[in-house]
Each structure stands twice: as structure tokens, then as C-alpha cells.
Amino acid sequence: MDRRRKQMKKRIEKRKQLKRMEKMKKGTGTYTPYFDYQDPEQIPWISPEAMGQKGHPLFRKDVFLLKILISAILVFIVAFLYKLPFHQLEPIKNTVSYIMERDFQFAKAVDWYEKNFGDPLALFPNVGEDEDNSEGEYALPANGVILETFYSDDQGVTFQTNKNVQVTAVQDGIVIFAGEKEEMGKTVVIQHPDTTETWYGKLGDIYVRTYDSIKTGDAIGIVSSSQTKETGEFYFAVKKDEIFIDPIQVIRLE
């Protein structure tokens, strides 16, 4: 009798369990789990070595090559813009020149490379090979007489010359500006290895372009004609540590 009761209880318990399981499966409404459950024992194990072979996403080879390609394209675009003769592009050229001039001292970098490693790479222009001038002393850009002194504008000196005289660089350097400036007209600015800048303004014509490598005595332009058309003139200034100084103090007069 007791055995039969026990069997009946077991059957009742099994039925209750089956009913509970059916209710859990059916549920009172629709339910969609956010994530598919997966037994941890069934998840495949990946070794750290295998994970390392894929590499960090920031250092993927394809991404790195893409960055190099984009950088090269930007460099070529800027270089191409400088080759175009359109006046509409002058504001862009001037902005790029200003940024590059302030953020990177080209002439100083090339001079440092030559002193430490010899001839510069093809990427750099050859600057500072024949330094005949003593430090802080420059040759006269063109023979002439002083028309306006430094104290006229506290920036530079205006020289009067013969007509069509060539204006030459007073020292080795790199052209960081070649174009129009207010009150100076056609102007060339050269940066030298000691970070000093020489400005050549009021030119009749310009022979050089931005980032050209210049040697001492290289012609960078010609003087402009005076109002009488009988003589020529040009403007010369020296900028050291962001301050204009009197060029007569550093020019070697012969």
C-alpha cells in the first residue's frame, strides 16, 4: 500500500514538473532574448598568440599605408598649388607659407643635418655648403645708395640703383615667401640657417619661388623702376628673433 502511494506521488510530481516546464516554454507573452545564450564550455578558446597575430587596429598595415598615401597626396596638392600662376591662390599660398615658416625652420634643420650627417637627403635642398661670409655679416644685395634710412619705418632701408639691376641673396638660405606684400610690392623673404630672415621688397620681377634653395649671390629678382624711370630702387630688411634690425649694422659695405 505504501509502495503504491509513493508511486502515485512520484507520478503527480512528474506531471507538475512537466506542466511547469510547458508554462515556462510557452510563457504568458512573447519574449525575445537580447543575446543568444551560449554555454561557456562550448565557446572556442583562442590563445593570446593567435589574438596577437591580428594586431592592434591602430597599427594595422593597411591603415598605416592609407595614412601615408593621404599624407603624400596632401603634399603633392600643396606643391601643385604653388606651381599654378593664378592670383586667386595667393591667399592660400601665403597662409601655408606662414604656417610652415613659423612651425618649422627649414634652413636651420638643413644646416643641422649637414653638420651632423654630411650631405642632406634628396628631400632637403642643399644649403650652407659655402659659407664665405662671417656670421652676422651680409653682402650688399645690389650696389646703390641709401634713399630712405631704417628710421623712416623702423623696418628696412630703401636703396637707389641703376636701372634693371639684379638683386642677389646676401647669404645661403631657403625662400619662405615670394609674392606681393602691402607697401613693399613684389617681395622675397629668405630664411637663413641662424633663423635670421632677409626681406627684399619693391622688386620689379621675382626669379624664385617658395622653398627654393638659395646660395649667396644668387639672383632673386631685379629692382623696380623709380618714379622718374631713370633709376631703380629696392627695399631691404633684416629680421632677427622676430624683430627688424637696421640692415646697415650687418651689411658689409665695400
C-alpha atoms as a PDB file:
ATOM      1  CA  MET A   1       0.000   0.000   0.000  1.00  0.00           C
ATOM      2  CA  ASP A   2       2.801   2.363   0.943  1.00  0.00           C
ATOM      3  CA  ARG A   3       4.667   1.494  -2.217  1.00  0.00           C
ATOM      4  CA  ARG A   4       1.654   2.357  -4.320  1.00  0.00           C
ATOM      5  CA  ARG A   5       1.240   5.701  -2.590  1.00  0.00           C
ATOM      6  CA  LYS A   6       4.865   6.546  -3.235  1.00  0.00           C
ATOM      7  CA  GLN A   7       4.488   5.703  -6.895  1.00  0.00           C
ATOM      8  CA  MET A   8       1.388   7.896  -7.144  1.00  0.00           C
ATOM      9  CA  LYS A   9       3.232  10.815  -5.527  1.00  0.00           C
ATOM     10  CA  LYS A  10       6.128  10.444  -7.944  1.00  0.00           C
ATOM     11  CA  ARG A  11       3.758  10.448 -10.919  1.00  0.00           C
ATOM     12  CA  ILE A  12       1.985  13.555  -9.593  1.00  0.00           C
ATOM     13  CA  GLU A  13       5.318  15.331  -9.074  1.00  0.00           C
ATOM     14  CA  LYS A  14       6.442  14.450 -12.576  1.00  0.00           C
ATOM     15  CA  ARG A  15       3.202  15.796 -14.039  1.00  0.00           C
ATOM     16  CA  LYS A  16       3.602  19.019 -12.061  1.00  0.00           C
ATOM     17  CA  GLN A  17       7.169  19.390 -13.312  1.00  0.00           C
ATOM     18  CA  LEU A  18       6.080  18.789 -16.903  1.00  0.00           C
ATOM     19  CA  LYS A  19       3.321  21.383 -16.563  1.00  0.00           C
ATOM     20  CA  ARG A  20       5.733  23.929 -15.089  1.00  0.00           C
ATOM     21  CA  MET A  21       8.196  23.329 -17.911  1.00  0.00           C
ATOM     22  CA  GLU A  22       5.468  23.729 -20.535  1.00  0.00           C
ATOM     23  CA  LYS A  23       4.371  27.015 -18.941  1.00  0.00           C
ATOM     24  CA  MET A  24       7.949  28.273 -18.943  1.00  0.00           C
ATOM     25  CA  LYS A  25       8.347  27.371 -22.611  1.00  0.00           C
ATOM     26  CA  LYS A  26       5.045  28.901 -23.688  1.00  0.00           C
ATOM     27  CA  GLY A  27       5.097  31.835 -21.277  1.00  0.00           C
ATOM     28  CA  THR A  28       2.320  34.332 -20.782  1.00  0.00           C
ATOM     29  CA  GLY A  29       3.510  36.517 -23.711  1.00  0.00           C
ATOM     30  CA  THR A  30       6.156  36.780 -26.406  1.00  0.00           C
ATOM     31  CA  TYR A  31       9.726  37.231 -25.141  1.00  0.00           C
ATOM     32  CA  THR A  32      12.799  37.713 -27.297  1.00  0.00           C
ATOM     33  CA  PRO A  33      16.156  37.486 -25.533  1.00  0.00           C
ATOM     34  CA  TYR A  34      18.650  40.299 -26.165  1.00  0.00           C
ATOM     35  CA  PHE A  35      21.557  37.907 -26.510  1.00  0.00           C
ATOM     36  CA  ASP A  36      21.796  34.338 -27.605  1.00  0.00           C
ATOM     37  CA  TYR A  37      22.897  32.273 -24.700  1.00  0.00           C
ATOM     38  CA  GLN A  38      25.883  30.068 -25.327  1.00  0.00           C
ATOM     39  CA  ASP A  39      27.244  27.501 -22.968  1.00  0.00           C
ATOM     40  CA  PRO A  40      30.709  28.648 -21.782  1.00  0.00           C
ATOM     41  CA  GLU A  41      32.006  25.137 -22.317  1.00  0.00           C
ATOM     42  CA  GLN A  42      31.037  25.351 -25.990  1.00  0.00           C
ATOM     43  CA  ILE A  43      32.849  28.670 -26.647  1.00  0.00           C
ATOM     44  CA  PRO A  44      36.077  28.015 -28.595  1.00  0.00           C
ATOM     45  CA  TRP A  45      39.268  29.087 -26.810  1.00  0.00           C
ATOM     46  CA  ILE A  46      41.628  31.463 -28.624  1.00  0.00           C
ATOM     47  CA  SER A  47      45.203  31.669 -27.442  1.00  0.00           C
ATOM     48  CA  PRO A  48      46.850  35.077 -26.770  1.00  0.00           C
ATOM     49  CA  GLU A  49      49.367  34.316 -29.528  1.00  0.00           C
ATOM     50  CA  ALA A  50      46.580  33.901 -32.063  1.00  0.00           C
ATOM     51  CA  MET A  51      44.956  37.149 -30.928  1.00  0.00           C
ATOM     52  CA  GLY A  52      48.291  38.977 -31.207  1.00  0.00           C
ATOM     53  CA  GLN A  53      48.711  37.897 -34.814  1.00  0.00           C
ATOM     54  CA  LYS A  54      45.772  40.072 -35.833  1.00  0.00           C
ATOM     55  CA  GLY A  55      47.482  43.155 -34.410  1.00  0.00           C
ATOM     56  CA  HIS A  56      46.107  46.281 -32.829  1.00  0.00           C
ATOM     57  CA  PRO A  57      43.551  48.077 -35.054  1.00  0.00           C
ATOM     58  CA  LEU A  58      45.508  51.345 -34.776  1.00  0.00           C
ATOM     59  CA  PHE A  59      48.635  49.676 -36.166  1.00  0.00           C
ATOM     60  CA  ARG A  60      47.115  47.712 -38.982  1.00  0.00           C
ATOM     61  CA  LYS A  61      49.296  47.648 -42.061  1.00  0.00           C
ATOM     62  CA  ASP A  62      46.519  48.675 -44.441  1.00  0.00           C
ATOM     63  CA  VAL A  63      45.536  51.634 -42.229  1.00  0.00           C
ATOM     64  CA  PHE A  64      49.169  52.732 -41.931  1.00  0.00           C
ATOM     65  CA  LEU A  65      49.663  52.613 -45.709  1.00  0.00           C
ATOM     66  CA  LEU A  66      46.435  54.550 -46.207  1.00  0.00           C
ATOM     67  CA  LYS A  67      47.677  57.310 -43.889  1.00  0.00           C
ATOM     68  CA  ILE A  68      50.951  57.523 -45.809  1.00  0.00           C
ATOM     69  CA  LEU A  69      49.055  57.731 -49.105  1.00  0.00           C
ATOM     70  CA  ILE A  70      46.794  60.519 -47.819  1.00  0.00           C
ATOM     71  CA  SER A  71      49.796  62.455 -46.479  1.00  0.00           C
ATOM     72  CA  ALA A  72      51.599  62.122 -49.815  1.00  0.00           C
ATOM     73  CA  ILE A  73      48.508  63.332 -51.685  1.00  0.00           C
ATOM     74  CA  LEU A  74      48.257  66.413 -49.435  1.00  0.00           C
ATOM     75  CA  VAL A  75      51.928  67.221 -50.012  1.00  0.00           C
ATOM     76  CA  PHE A  76      51.541  66.923 -53.787  1.00  0.00           C
ATOM     77  CA  ILE A  77      48.387  69.074 -53.725  1.00  0.00           C
ATOM     78  CA  VAL A  78      50.200  71.869 -51.864  1.00  0.00           C
ATOM     79  CA  ALA A  79      53.194  71.593 -54.204  1.00  0.00           C
ATOM     80  CA  PHE A  80      50.867  71.703 -57.227  1.00  0.00           C
ATOM     81  CA  LEU A  81      49.121  74.824 -55.903  1.00  0.00           C
ATOM     82  CA  TYR A  82      52.471  76.609 -55.672  1.00  0.00           C
ATOM     83  CA  LYS A  83      53.162  75.830 -59.330  1.00  0.00           C
ATOM     84  CA  LEU A  84      49.910  77.429 -60.530  1.00  0.00           C
ATOM     85  CA  PRO A  85      50.251  81.101 -61.565  1.00  0.00           C
ATOM     86  CA  PHE A  86      46.696  82.115 -60.568  1.00  0.00           C
ATOM     87  CA  HIS A  87      46.406  85.194 -58.334  1.00  0.00           C
ATOM     88  CA  GLN A  88      43.293  83.725 -56.694  1.00  0.00           C
ATOM     89  CA  LEU A  89      45.520  81.156 -54.977  1.00  0.00           C
ATOM     90  CA  GLU A  90      47.808  83.757 -53.374  1.00  0.00           C
ATOM     91  CA  PRO A  91      45.870  83.821 -50.027  1.00  0.00           C
ATOM     92  CA  ILE A  92      46.205  80.027 -49.754  1.00  0.00           C
ATOM     93  CA  LYS A  93      49.901  80.150 -50.637  1.00  0.00           C
ATOM     94  CA  ASN A  94      50.543  82.911 -48.117  1.00  0.00           C
ATOM     95  CA  THR A  95      48.708  81.030 -45.368  1.00  0.00           C
ATOM     96  CA  VAL A  96      50.640  77.817 -45.982  1.00  0.00           C
ATOM     97  CA  SER A  97      53.902  79.762 -46.148  1.00  0.00           C
ATOM     98  CA  TYR A  98      53.146  81.485 -42.842  1.00  0.00           C
ATOM     99  CA  ILE A  99      52.318  78.209 -41.084  1.00  0.00           C
ATOM    100  CA  MET A 100      55.364  76.400 -42.414  1.00  0.00           C
ATOM    101  CA  GLU A 101      57.611  79.369 -41.678  1.00  0.00           C
ATOM    102  CA  ARG A 102      56.501  79.597 -38.061  1.00  0.00           C
ATOM    103  CA  ASP A 103      56.269  75.882 -37.300  1.00  0.00           C
ATOM    104  CA  PHE A 104      59.435  74.652 -38.980  1.00  0.00           C
ATOM    105  CA  GLN A 105      62.782  76.328 -39.530  1.00  0.00           C
ATOM    106  CA  PHE A 106      63.831  74.812 -42.865  1.00  0.00           C
ATOM    107  CA  ALA A 107      67.239  76.423 -43.206  1.00  0.00           C
ATOM    108  CA  LYS A 108      68.193  75.642 -39.610  1.00  0.00           C
ATOM    109  CA  ALA A 109      67.150  71.993 -39.981  1.00  0.00           C
ATOM    110  CA  VAL A 110      69.155  71.533 -43.180  1.00  0.00           C
ATOM    111  CA  ASP A 111      72.206  73.217 -41.656  1.00  0.00           C
ATOM    112  CA  TRP A 112      71.997  70.959 -38.564  1.00  0.00           C
ATOM    113  CA  TYR A 113      71.685  67.858 -40.754  1.00  0.00           C
ATOM    114  CA  GLU A 114      74.759  68.805 -42.793  1.00  0.00           C
ATOM    115  CA  LYS A 115      76.871  69.406 -39.687  1.00  0.00           C
ATOM    116  CA  ASN A 116      75.906  66.062 -38.136  1.00  0.00           C
ATOM    117  CA  PHE A 117      75.427  63.731 -41.102  1.00  0.00           C
ATOM    118  CA  GLY A 118      77.091  65.372 -44.099  1.00  0.00           C
ATOM    119  CA  ASP A 119      75.219  65.978 -47.343  1.00  0.00           C
ATOM    120  CA  PRO A 120      71.455  66.236 -46.822  1.00  0.00           C
ATOM    121  CA  LEU A 121      68.932  63.797 -48.214  1.00  0.00           C
ATOM    122  CA  ALA A 122      67.402  64.485 -51.587  1.00  0.00           C
ATOM    123  CA  LEU A 123      64.304  65.661 -49.744  1.00  0.00           C
ATOM    124  CA  PHE A 124      66.220  68.681 -48.429  1.00  0.00           C
ATOM    125  CA  PRO A 125      67.705  71.433 -50.581  1.00  0.00           C
ATOM    126  CA  ASN A 126      71.476  71.935 -50.335  1.00  0.00           C
ATOM    127  CA  VAL A 127      72.005  74.860 -48.019  1.00  0.00           C
ATOM    128  CA  GLY A 128      75.065  76.204 -46.248  1.00  0.00           C
ATOM    129  CA  GLU A 129      77.868  74.474 -48.169  1.00  0.00           C
ATOM    130  CA  ASP A 130      79.965  77.570 -48.979  1.00  0.00           C
ATOM    131  CA  GLU A 131      79.777  79.927 -46.054  1.00  0.00           C
ATOM    132  CA  ASP A 132      82.308  82.593 -47.016  1.00  0.00           C
ATOM    133  CA  ASN A 133      80.557  85.347 -45.094  1.00  0.00           C
ATOM    134  CA  SER A 134      81.297  85.687 -41.415  1.00  0.00           C
ATOM    135  CA  GLU A 135      78.389  85.177 -39.034  1.00  0.00           C
ATOM    136  CA  GLY A 136      76.166  88.244 -38.736  1.00  0.00           C
ATOM    137  CA  GLU A 137      77.666  89.943 -41.812  1.00  0.00           C
ATOM    138  CA  TYR A 138      75.967  90.135 -45.220  1.00  0.00           C
ATOM    139  CA  ALA A 139      76.971  91.273 -48.689  1.00  0.00           C
ATOM    140  CA  LEU A 140      75.052  94.124 -50.280  1.00  0.00           C
ATOM    141  CA  PRO A 141      72.101  92.788 -52.363  1.00  0.00           C
ATOM    142  CA  ALA A 142      72.823  95.342 -55.109  1.00  0.00           C
ATOM    143  CA  ASN A 143      75.125  98.328 -55.500  1.00  0.00           C
ATOM    144  CA  GLY A 144      73.362 101.565 -54.732  1.00  0.00           C
ATOM    145  CA  VAL A 145      72.906 104.484 -52.364  1.00  0.00           C
ATOM    146  CA  ILE A 146      70.549 104.775 -49.416  1.00  0.00           C
ATOM    147  CA  LEU A 147      67.340 106.549 -50.395  1.00  0.00           C
ATOM    148  CA  GLU A 148      65.386 106.024 -47.145  1.00  0.00           C
ATOM    149  CA  THR A 149      67.005 105.005 -43.856  1.00  0.00           C
ATOM    150  CA  PHE A 150      65.857 102.393 -41.367  1.00  0.00           C
ATOM    151  CA  TYR A 151      64.359 105.071 -39.145  1.00  0.00           C
ATOM    152  CA  SER A 152      61.819 106.013 -41.817  1.00  0.00           C
ATOM    153  CA  ASP A 153      59.670 102.993 -40.929  1.00  0.00           C
ATOM    154  CA  ASP A 154      61.770 101.091 -38.330  1.00  0.00           C
ATOM    155  CA  GLN A 155      61.768  98.068 -40.594  1.00  0.00           C
ATOM    156  CA  GLY A 156      64.104  98.363 -43.576  1.00  0.00           C
ATOM    157  CA  VAL A 157      66.141 100.524 -45.933  1.00  0.00           C
ATOM    158  CA  THR A 158      65.323 101.666 -49.474  1.00  0.00           C
ATOM    159  CA  PHE A 159      68.246 101.740 -51.919  1.00  0.00           C
ATOM    160  CA  GLN A 160      68.527 103.640 -55.207  1.00  0.00           C
ATOM    161  CA  THR A 161      70.355 101.827 -58.011  1.00  0.00           C
ATOM    162  CA  ASN A 162      70.831 101.877 -61.748  1.00  0.00           C
ATOM    163  CA  LYS A 163      68.006 100.557 -63.911  1.00  0.00           C
ATOM    164  CA  ASN A 164      67.421  96.802 -64.320  1.00  0.00           C
ATOM    165  CA  VAL A 165      69.997  95.833 -61.685  1.00  0.00           C
ATOM    166  CA  GLN A 166      69.715  92.298 -60.323  1.00  0.00           C
ATOM    167  CA  VAL A 167      69.085  91.836 -56.597  1.00  0.00           C
ATOM    168  CA  THR A 168      71.072  88.949 -55.101  1.00  0.00           C
ATOM    169  CA  ALA A 169      70.795  86.909 -51.904  1.00  0.00           C
ATOM    170  CA  VAL A 170      73.121  88.104 -49.148  1.00  0.00           C
ATOM    171  CA  GLN A 171      73.546  84.624 -47.662  1.00  0.00           C
ATOM    172  CA  ASP A 172      72.583  80.974 -48.181  1.00  0.00           C
ATOM    173  CA  GLY A 173      69.039  80.099 -47.229  1.00  0.00           C
ATOM    174  CA  ILE A 174      65.599  78.928 -48.280  1.00  0.00           C
ATOM    175  CA  VAL A 175      62.853  81.085 -49.788  1.00  0.00           C
ATOM    176  CA  ILE A 176      59.906  81.115 -47.396  1.00  0.00           C
ATOM    177  CA  PHE A 177      57.908  83.790 -49.232  1.00  0.00           C
ATOM    178  CA  ALA A 178      57.769  85.028 -52.816  1.00  0.00           C
ATOM    179  CA  GLY A 179      54.872  87.248 -53.760  1.00  0.00           C
ATOM    180  CA  GLU A 180      53.089  90.530 -53.048  1.00  0.00           C
ATOM    181  CA  LYS A 181      53.177  92.353 -49.711  1.00  0.00           C
ATOM    182  CA  GLU A 182      51.456  95.585 -48.771  1.00  0.00           C
ATOM    183  CA  GLU A 183      53.626  98.696 -49.134  1.00  0.00           C
ATOM    184  CA  MET A 184      56.535  96.560 -50.396  1.00  0.00           C
ATOM    185  CA  GLY A 185      55.064  95.220 -53.622  1.00  0.00           C
ATOM    186  CA  LYS A 186      56.829  92.186 -55.029  1.00  0.00           C
ATOM    187  CA  THR A 187      58.811  90.710 -52.150  1.00  0.00           C
ATOM    188  CA  VAL A 188      61.102  87.760 -51.456  1.00  0.00           C
ATOM    189  CA  VAL A 189      61.815  86.542 -47.906  1.00  0.00           C
ATOM    190  CA  ILE A 190      64.770  84.205 -47.325  1.00  0.00           C
ATOM    191  CA  GLN A 191      65.319  82.260 -44.123  1.00  0.00           C
ATOM    192  CA  HIS A 192      68.951  81.551 -43.176  1.00  0.00           C
ATOM    193  CA  PRO A 193      70.448  78.722 -41.054  1.00  0.00           C
ATOM    194  CA  ASP A 194      70.693  81.007 -37.999  1.00  0.00           C
ATOM    195  CA  THR A 195      66.879  81.616 -38.336  1.00  0.00           C
ATOM    196  CA  THR A 196      67.529  85.223 -39.412  1.00  0.00           C
ATOM    197  CA  GLU A 197      65.344  86.445 -42.289  1.00  0.00           C
ATOM    198  CA  THR A 198      66.270  88.871 -45.067  1.00  0.00           C
ATOM    199  CA  TRP A 199      63.497  90.695 -46.906  1.00  0.00           C
ATOM    200  CA  TYR A 200      63.870  92.018 -50.466  1.00  0.00           C
ATOM    201  CA  GLY A 201      60.985  94.298 -51.426  1.00  0.00           C
ATOM    202  CA  LYS A 202      59.927  96.727 -54.159  1.00  0.00           C
ATOM    203  CA  LEU A 203      61.196  94.333 -56.822  1.00  0.00           C
ATOM    204  CA  GLY A 204      60.363  94.739 -60.478  1.00  0.00           C
ATOM    205  CA  ASP A 205      60.330  90.985 -61.048  1.00  0.00           C
ATOM    206  CA  ILE A 206      60.864  87.831 -58.975  1.00  0.00           C
ATOM    207  CA  TYR A 207      63.058  84.951 -60.165  1.00  0.00           C
ATOM    208  CA  VAL A 208      62.497  82.468 -57.327  1.00  0.00           C
ATOM    209  CA  ARG A 209      59.666  80.501 -55.775  1.00  0.00           C
ATOM    210  CA  THR A 210      58.783  79.464 -52.256  1.00  0.00           C
ATOM    211  CA  TYR A 211      61.028  76.695 -50.841  1.00  0.00           C
ATOM    212  CA  ASP A 212      63.763  77.283 -53.438  1.00  0.00           C
ATOM    213  CA  SER A 213      67.285  76.715 -52.115  1.00  0.00           C
ATOM    214  CA  ILE A 214      69.360  79.880 -52.484  1.00  0.00           C
ATOM    215  CA  LYS A 215      73.123  80.413 -52.432  1.00  0.00           C
ATOM    216  CA  THR A 216      74.948  83.622 -51.571  1.00  0.00           C
ATOM    217  CA  GLY A 217      74.973  85.829 -54.658  1.00  0.00           C
ATOM    218  CA  ASP A 218      72.096  84.064 -56.452  1.00  0.00           C
ATOM    219  CA  ALA A 219      69.827  86.482 -58.317  1.00  0.00           C
ATOM    220  CA  ILE A 220      66.349  86.512 -56.779  1.00  0.00           C
ATOM    221  CA  GLY A 221      64.895  89.360 -58.852  1.00  0.00           C
ATOM    222  CA  ILE A 222      65.509  92.790 -60.346  1.00  0.00           C
ATOM    223  CA  VAL A 223      64.978  96.269 -58.954  1.00  0.00           C
ATOM    224  CA  SER A 224      61.821  98.193 -59.749  1.00  0.00           C
ATOM    225  CA  SER A 225      61.826 101.433 -61.716  1.00  0.00           C
ATOM    226  CA  SER A 226      61.716 104.718 -59.833  1.00  0.00           C
ATOM    227  CA  GLN A 227      59.022 107.307 -60.468  1.00  0.00           C
ATOM    228  CA  THR A 228      61.294 109.123 -62.905  1.00  0.00           C
ATOM    229  CA  LYS A 229      62.033 105.848 -64.735  1.00  0.00           C
ATOM    230  CA  GLU A 230      65.698 106.888 -64.841  1.00  0.00           C
ATOM    231  CA  THR A 231      66.886 104.860 -61.853  1.00  0.00           C
ATOM    232  CA  GLY A 232      65.943 101.715 -60.000  1.00  0.00           C
ATOM    233  CA  GLU A 233      65.205 101.008 -56.357  1.00  0.00           C
ATOM    234  CA  PHE A 234      64.626  98.130 -53.967  1.00  0.00           C
ATOM    235  CA  TYR A 235      63.828  97.607 -50.303  1.00  0.00           C
ATOM    236  CA  PHE A 236      65.965  95.557 -47.921  1.00  0.00           C
ATOM    237  CA  ALA A 237      65.233  94.466 -44.337  1.00  0.00           C
ATOM    238  CA  VAL A 238      66.727  92.070 -41.801  1.00  0.00           C
ATOM    239  CA  LYS A 239      64.580  90.275 -39.214  1.00  0.00           C
ATOM    240  CA  LYS A 240      66.222  88.612 -36.221  1.00  0.00           C
ATOM    241  CA  ASP A 241      64.306  86.955 -33.360  1.00  0.00           C
ATOM    242  CA  GLU A 242      61.019  88.338 -34.752  1.00  0.00           C
ATOM    243  CA  ILE A 243      62.374  91.917 -34.617  1.00  0.00           C
ATOM    244  CA  PHE A 244      63.528  94.054 -37.553  1.00  0.00           C
ATOM    245  CA  ILE A 245      67.021  95.478 -37.111  1.00  0.00           C
ATOM    246  CA  ASP A 246      68.890  98.167 -39.031  1.00  0.00           C
ATOM    247  CA  PRO A 247      70.386  96.377 -42.089  1.00  0.00           C
ATOM    248  CA  ILE A 248      73.303  98.830 -42.192  1.00  0.00           C
ATOM    249  CA  GLN A 249      74.589  97.253 -38.960  1.00  0.00           C
ATOM    250  CA  VAL A 250      75.016  93.846 -40.609  1.00  0.00           C
ATOM    251  CA  ILE A 251      75.755  94.725 -44.252  1.00  0.00           C
ATOM    252  CA  ARG A 252      79.349  94.599 -45.418  1.00  0.00           C
ATOM    253  CA  LEU A 253      79.817  97.855 -47.329  1.00  0.00           C
ATOM    254  CA  GLU A 254      82.644  97.963 -49.854  1.00  0.00           C
END
